[in-house]
Amino acid sequence: MAPKGGCFQSHIAPYWRSLVLVVLPLLLLPLPVVSATSAARCGYVILIMAAYWMTEALPLAITALIPVFAFPLLGILSTGECCLVYMKETNMMFLGGLTVAIAVEHCNLHKRIALFVILHVGQSPRRLMAGFMLTTMFLSMWISNTASTAMMVPIVDAILVELYATRSKKQEENATAIDMSVTSGQNQLELSPAGENGVSDGHNKKERAEAGGGGGTTTEVVTTKSTSLTATPPDEECRALRDMCFLATAYAANIGGTGSLTGTGPNLVVKGVLASAIDTNNHEVEKEDKITDEEIDAANAEVFRQRHIMRRALLLGVAYSANVGGTGVVTGTSPNLVLMAVLQDSFSEPTGLNFATWMAFNVPGMILCVILAWIWLQVLFMGLFRKQSPIQQSTPERTAAVRRLIRQKYKELGPMTHHEATVLTLFIILVLLWLFRAPEFVPGWSAWFKDAFEGVEVDDATPAMLIVTLLFILPARLNFWCFRNPKDPEPPQPSPACMNWQVVHEKIPWGVVLLLGGGFAMAEGANKSGLSAWLGDQLVAFDVMPKEAIVFVVSLMTAMLTEVASNTATASILLPVLKEMALNISVNPLYLMLPAAVCCSYAFMLPVATPPNAIVFSAANMKSADMMKAGFIMNIICVVVITVMINTLGVALFDLQHMPPWANSTINALN
């Protein structure tokens, strides 16, 4: 009997990766055979790498190593030339920035920043979403988007538990108040039956004992002297005492009979009159109890639904902010570094794009995208234009509870330690060194070394590695020499450094480093073989389109491609081609390359597109269709934003309306 699912499901589908690895090179083999040119052979390797990257038939980092053997064997690049590009200045800058980011995580500084921002932004649902998104965006600029997302997810869960637990508690208190009032009435009505079964007897016994308590000792004497009530007292004093005790007992019996319905006859008459009323009220109480339980269940279900919706909205906001935040600085994500490397390798003169100008262009667009993402998630999940949406409603009790939770978590971190202060200081120094290395509007500090040592260029990797070295030198605790507490009973010990190699070794994504190197090798091979120039010639047909339309189409295609392929791989494939296309249609290369590099980070639709998407998809238990619906609109929004930004702010910053001198000199050199 054939296996269920057919031959394809049982014999082919499980081995699709092996089929891609073997069949694809064979299918593409005619390309280098028919066209025996270096460009064709390079195109053959690049197509194989692109397919492997998109399908992940091989691990991404292993695919990135293919040029090391394929380029020399096919006569495209020598082995030494190919290997050198795997550890370029851009990769060293990437490693330095990652190490500093890991130091921030290692000392928990990123958590302190996150809780501080969320605490001061506000605790209503809308303000909470804004706080989470702004915090994630800022952290993702400097540390990996994966780390920033993974850190925010448990904070989101803790706050939502407190937010909606407070709402449930309030509803339960209201329900309890209703139940208590009903129970009070019920007890008043049902007091008599309980008394029949023993409450009355106990009550009567108690009151009789209390009533006769005054002569208890004498009573015991009487009892011990005579066991009969008719015995004659031995003297007049004892007779008087006996009469007093008898009268006290009689009075107590009469009064005690009023304590229950069965105590006296008149009480039983009252019981008979009220019997029908008691039955009627009991039925009404049971009905009220049943309605109240149903209302509580419905309220709990509504709270759970609102919490689930709010959780999805917040987590999607975190993922979107993490993806967008990486576009704010050069070191924020890999495609940014690929762009810088391609420009550095292709043009000998400064292009005007550096750390400072990158931030000047991308930070406004990044903030605008996050604001629009916040508005879109409000519309989609929280009813931005619906006044009575229950999810966005807030009460002082809920707000105060969430604020207490955040403040408590912030206090648990304690005061800022010397370790955190040192890392924060070094981090700020690094950012300032990057900003003012070559800010263009004034001479940067790197110009001092260029003037002092002729021909020496100081790039961004130099300050990065300087700060990394200081992290391994400066102590994390001041417990030595004059800084040591004289009352400390422990013997002096050397303080650990702010960073250690074990942490760096475990947290550095070495695969991404190789992936960057593979992209650089691929770009180098395409440049040396003439493939990039050939592709640029074929794309001259786009010259008939308006430049603004070209930017929009390029940005949209890049954003869609990066949904199914690594953003680093997408940037490595597209940016050299876009550079040649821009030169051939006489457009400033930055006009096409900069939006494309930024759009490589606009992957919002699929869980597999980016690590933040995958983390949020798993944590929120959402469907792929929900993520795609929300992410498709986000893709369109961000593509429109970058198109507008490059045609407004980009034109003002980089003079994109004219071909720059550095591009013309390169064209002349190529010709």
Foldseek 3Di string as FASTA:
>chain_A
DDDPPDPCVPPPVVCVLVCLVPVVLVVLVVQCVVPVFLLSLLVSLLVSLQVCQLVVSDPLLVSLCVCLPSCCVSVLDNNVVLVVLLCDLLLLLLLLLALLLLLCVVLVVLVLQLLVQQLPQFQFLLSNLVSLLVSLLQSLQRYPLLVSLVVVLVVLVVLLCLLLVLVLVVLVVVLVVVVVVLVVVLCVLCVQVVCVVPVLVVQLVVQLCVLLVVCPVVVVVVCVVDVDLPDDDPDDVVVVVSVVNVVSNVVSLVVSLVVHLPSDDVSVVVCVVCVVVSVVSVVVSVVVVVVSVVVSVVVVVVSVVLSLLSLLLSLLSSLQSSLLSLQQFLSSDQLSSLLVLLVVVQFVDDQLDFGQVSNVQRVVLSVVLSVVLSVLSCVVRVNPPDPPRPNRDDDPSSRVSSSVVSVVVSCVSPDDAQLNVVSVVLVVVLSVLRCQQPVPVDRGPQVVVCVVPPPDGDHSSVSSVVSSVQQQPAFNHQCDDPSNDPPDPDDDDDGGGSDDVVSSVVPPPVSVSSSLSSLSSSLVSSVSSVNLLVLLVVLLVCLVPDLLVVQLVLLLVLLVVLLSGPLSSSSSPVLSNLQSVCLSSQWASCLRNVSSSSSSSLHFQACPSDSSSVVSCVSSVDDSVVRNVSSVVSSVVSSVSSSVSCVPVVCVSSVRVHHDPSSVVSVVVVD
